Amino acid sequence: MAYVREYEDESITREQLDQRDGLRLLEFGANWCGYCIAAQPDIEAALADHPDLAHEKIADGPGRPLGRSFRVKLWPTLILIRDGEEIGRIVRPEREEDLKGFLRCC
């Protein structure tokens, strides 16, 4: 799966996500968020090295249950999960190198 450009409304519950097999990257944020917009070139570049990694961009905000279930407080928050279990997290990445290091396990 390639880099996803836009944050989309939640289309999955935490329970459904926990039952999915495999490795995936969840990115919580908002399309209007300055931090999210600024991080996109670095996120896209880091994901270029991982074309098979499922990338899901989830619009977050008050009352959004999926983000709350992961205790997301700042955007963008990227969470790496394997078989429904969180294995890593990076919040407000500032450099492509930070993201590449974070994704090295993939």
C-alpha atoms as a PDB file:
ATOM      1  CA  MET A   1       0.000   0.000   0.000  1.00  0.00           C
ATOM      2  CA  ALA A   2       1.370   3.399  -0.878  1.00  0.00           C
ATOM      3  CA  TYR A   3       1.449   6.653   1.054  1.00  0.00           C
ATOM      4  CA  VAL A   4      -2.051   7.997   1.742  1.00  0.00           C
ATOM      5  CA  ARG A   5      -2.480  11.745   1.183  1.00  0.00           C
ATOM      6  CA  GLU A   6      -5.650  12.695   3.116  1.00  0.00           C
ATOM      7  CA  TYR A   7      -6.847  11.919   6.617  1.00  0.00           C
ATOM      8  CA  GLU A   8     -10.138  10.044   6.425  1.00  0.00           C
ATOM      9  CA  ASP A   9     -12.939   9.595   8.926  1.00  0.00           C
ATOM     10  CA  GLU A  10     -12.759   6.501  11.084  1.00  0.00           C
ATOM     11  CA  SER A  11     -13.936   3.468   9.154  1.00  0.00           C
ATOM     12  CA  ILE A  12     -12.879   0.833  11.656  1.00  0.00           C
ATOM     13  CA  THR A  13     -13.303   0.237  15.354  1.00  0.00           C
ATOM     14  CA  ARG A  14     -10.508  -0.559  17.769  1.00  0.00           C
ATOM     15  CA  GLU A  15     -11.899  -4.073  18.178  1.00  0.00           C
ATOM     16  CA  GLN A  16     -11.773  -4.676  14.412  1.00  0.00           C
ATOM     17  CA  LEU A  17      -8.268  -3.238  14.201  1.00  0.00           C
ATOM     18  CA  ASP A  18      -7.057  -5.461  17.035  1.00  0.00           C
ATOM     19  CA  GLN A  19      -8.206  -8.519  15.082  1.00  0.00           C
ATOM     20  CA  ARG A  20      -6.324  -7.652  11.875  1.00  0.00           C
ATOM     21  CA  ASP A  21      -3.170  -9.585  11.103  1.00  0.00           C
ATOM     22  CA  GLY A  22       0.030  -8.081   9.833  1.00  0.00           C
ATOM     23  CA  LEU A  23       1.963  -4.861  10.107  1.00  0.00           C
ATOM     24  CA  ARG A  24       0.356  -1.453   9.577  1.00  0.00           C
ATOM     25  CA  LEU A  25       1.048   2.187  10.258  1.00  0.00           C
ATOM     26  CA  LEU A  26      -1.737   4.306  11.718  1.00  0.00           C
ATOM     27  CA  GLU A  27      -1.344   8.062  11.361  1.00  0.00           C
ATOM     28  CA  PHE A  28      -3.667  10.232  13.434  1.00  0.00           C
ATOM     29  CA  GLY A  29      -4.086  13.904  12.582  1.00  0.00           C
ATOM     30  CA  ALA A  30      -6.216  16.426  10.707  1.00  0.00           C
ATOM     31  CA  ASN A  31      -6.057  17.766   7.159  1.00  0.00           C
ATOM     32  CA  TRP A  32      -5.981  21.359   8.464  1.00  0.00           C
ATOM     33  CA  CYS A  33      -3.298  20.771  11.157  1.00  0.00           C
ATOM     34  CA  GLY A  34      -0.113  22.760  10.535  1.00  0.00           C
ATOM     35  CA  TYR A  35       2.110  20.150  12.202  1.00  0.00           C
ATOM     36  CA  CYS A  36       0.507  17.404  10.098  1.00  0.00           C
ATOM     37  CA  ILE A  37       0.929  19.357   6.872  1.00  0.00           C
ATOM     38  CA  ALA A  38       4.572  20.155   7.667  1.00  0.00           C
ATOM     39  CA  ALA A  39       5.365  16.491   8.400  1.00  0.00           C
ATOM     40  CA  GLN A  40       3.873  15.060   5.203  1.00  0.00           C
ATOM     41  CA  PRO A  41       6.947  15.324   2.911  1.00  0.00           C
ATOM     42  CA  ASP A  42       9.069  13.476   5.491  1.00  0.00           C
ATOM     43  CA  ILE A  43       6.393  10.840   6.108  1.00  0.00           C
ATOM     44  CA  GLU A  44       5.967  10.261   2.380  1.00  0.00           C
ATOM     45  CA  ALA A  45       9.740   9.978   1.860  1.00  0.00           C
ATOM     46  CA  ALA A  46      10.150   7.527   4.750  1.00  0.00           C
ATOM     47  CA  LEU A  47       7.278   5.370   3.517  1.00  0.00           C
ATOM     48  CA  ALA A  48       8.806   5.186   0.036  1.00  0.00           C
ATOM     49  CA  ASP A  49      11.220   2.586   1.451  1.00  0.00           C
ATOM     50  CA  HIS A  50       8.266   0.466   2.688  1.00  0.00           C
ATOM     51  CA  PRO A  51       5.816   0.066  -0.220  1.00  0.00           C
ATOM     52  CA  ASP A  52       4.182  -3.009   1.342  1.00  0.00           C
ATOM     53  CA  LEU A  53       3.434  -1.337   4.686  1.00  0.00           C
ATOM     54  CA  ALA A  54      -0.271  -0.606   5.103  1.00  0.00           C
ATOM     55  CA  HIS A  55      -0.609   3.131   5.855  1.00  0.00           C
ATOM     56  CA  GLU A  56      -3.887   4.401   7.284  1.00  0.00           C
ATOM     57  CA  LYS A  57      -4.459   8.121   7.889  1.00  0.00           C
ATOM     58  CA  ILE A  58      -7.228   8.634  10.406  1.00  0.00           C
ATOM     59  CA  ALA A  59      -8.863  11.996  11.060  1.00  0.00           C
ATOM     60  CA  ASP A  60      -8.738  12.602  14.785  1.00  0.00           C
ATOM     61  CA  GLY A  61     -10.387  15.061  17.129  1.00  0.00           C
ATOM     62  CA  PRO A  62     -12.532  15.370  20.239  1.00  0.00           C
ATOM     63  CA  GLY A  63     -14.900  12.469  20.663  1.00  0.00           C
ATOM     64  CA  ARG A  64     -13.199  10.275  18.069  1.00  0.00           C
ATOM     65  CA  PRO A  65     -13.052   6.850  19.740  1.00  0.00           C
ATOM     66  CA  LEU A  66     -10.178   5.293  17.795  1.00  0.00           C
ATOM     67  CA  GLY A  67      -7.721   8.074  18.611  1.00  0.00           C
ATOM     68  CA  ARG A  68      -8.844   8.083  22.237  1.00  0.00           C
ATOM     69  CA  SER A  69      -8.334   4.320  22.480  1.00  0.00           C
ATOM     70  CA  PHE A  70      -4.669   4.891  21.547  1.00  0.00           C
ATOM     71  CA  ARG A  71      -4.431   7.926  23.879  1.00  0.00           C
ATOM     72  CA  VAL A  72      -3.500  10.251  21.002  1.00  0.00           C
ATOM     73  CA  LYS A  73      -2.928  13.761  22.326  1.00  0.00           C
ATOM     74  CA  LEU A  74      -0.791  15.513  19.678  1.00  0.00           C
ATOM     75  CA  TRP A  75      -0.829  15.400  15.885  1.00  0.00           C
ATOM     76  CA  PRO A  76       0.496  13.829  13.887  1.00  0.00           C
ATOM     77  CA  THR A  77       0.890  10.657  15.905  1.00  0.00           C
ATOM     78  CA  LEU A  78       2.112   7.605  14.008  1.00  0.00           C
ATOM     79  CA  ILE A  79       1.564   4.212  15.590  1.00  0.00           C
ATOM     80  CA  LEU A  80       3.069   1.025  14.234  1.00  0.00           C
ATOM     81  CA  ILE A  81       1.017  -2.065  15.023  1.00  0.00           C
ATOM     82  CA  ARG A  82       1.592  -5.746  14.339  1.00  0.00           C
ATOM     83  CA  ASP A  83      -1.292  -8.189  14.638  1.00  0.00           C
ATOM     84  CA  GLY A  84      -3.313  -5.619  16.599  1.00  0.00           C
ATOM     85  CA  GLU A  85      -0.541  -4.825  19.121  1.00  0.00           C
ATOM     86  CA  GLU A  86       1.267  -1.494  19.281  1.00  0.00           C
ATOM     87  CA  ILE A  87       4.998  -1.976  18.678  1.00  0.00           C
ATOM     88  CA  GLY A  88       6.072   1.641  18.252  1.00  0.00           C
ATOM     89  CA  ARG A  89       4.956   5.253  18.279  1.00  0.00           C
ATOM     90  CA  ILE A  90       6.341   8.573  17.112  1.00  0.00           C
ATOM     91  CA  VAL A  91       4.688  11.912  17.853  1.00  0.00           C
ATOM     92  CA  ARG A  92       5.221  15.064  15.782  1.00  0.00           C
ATOM     93  CA  PRO A  93       8.196  13.779  13.828  1.00  0.00           C
ATOM     94  CA  GLU A  94      10.435  16.618  12.701  1.00  0.00           C
ATOM     95  CA  ARG A  95      12.890  14.891  10.369  1.00  0.00           C
ATOM     96  CA  GLU A  96      12.804  12.222   7.716  1.00  0.00           C
ATOM     97  CA  GLU A  97      15.685  10.464   9.486  1.00  0.00           C
ATOM     98  CA  ASP A  98      13.593  10.118  12.656  1.00  0.00           C
ATOM     99  CA  LEU A  99      10.843   8.417  10.669  1.00  0.00           C
ATOM    100  CA  LYS A 100      13.247   6.154   8.817  1.00  0.00           C
ATOM    101  CA  GLY A 101      14.714   5.036  12.141  1.00  0.00           C
ATOM    102  CA  PHE A 102      11.220   4.455  13.506  1.00  0.00           C
ATOM    103  CA  LEU A 103      10.307   2.307  10.480  1.00  0.00           C
ATOM    104  CA  ARG A 104      13.566   0.374  10.439  1.00  0.00           C
ATOM    105  CA  CYS A 105      11.880  -2.640  12.049  1.00  0.00           C
ATOM    106  CA  CYS A 106       9.622  -3.091   9.008  1.00  0.00           C
END
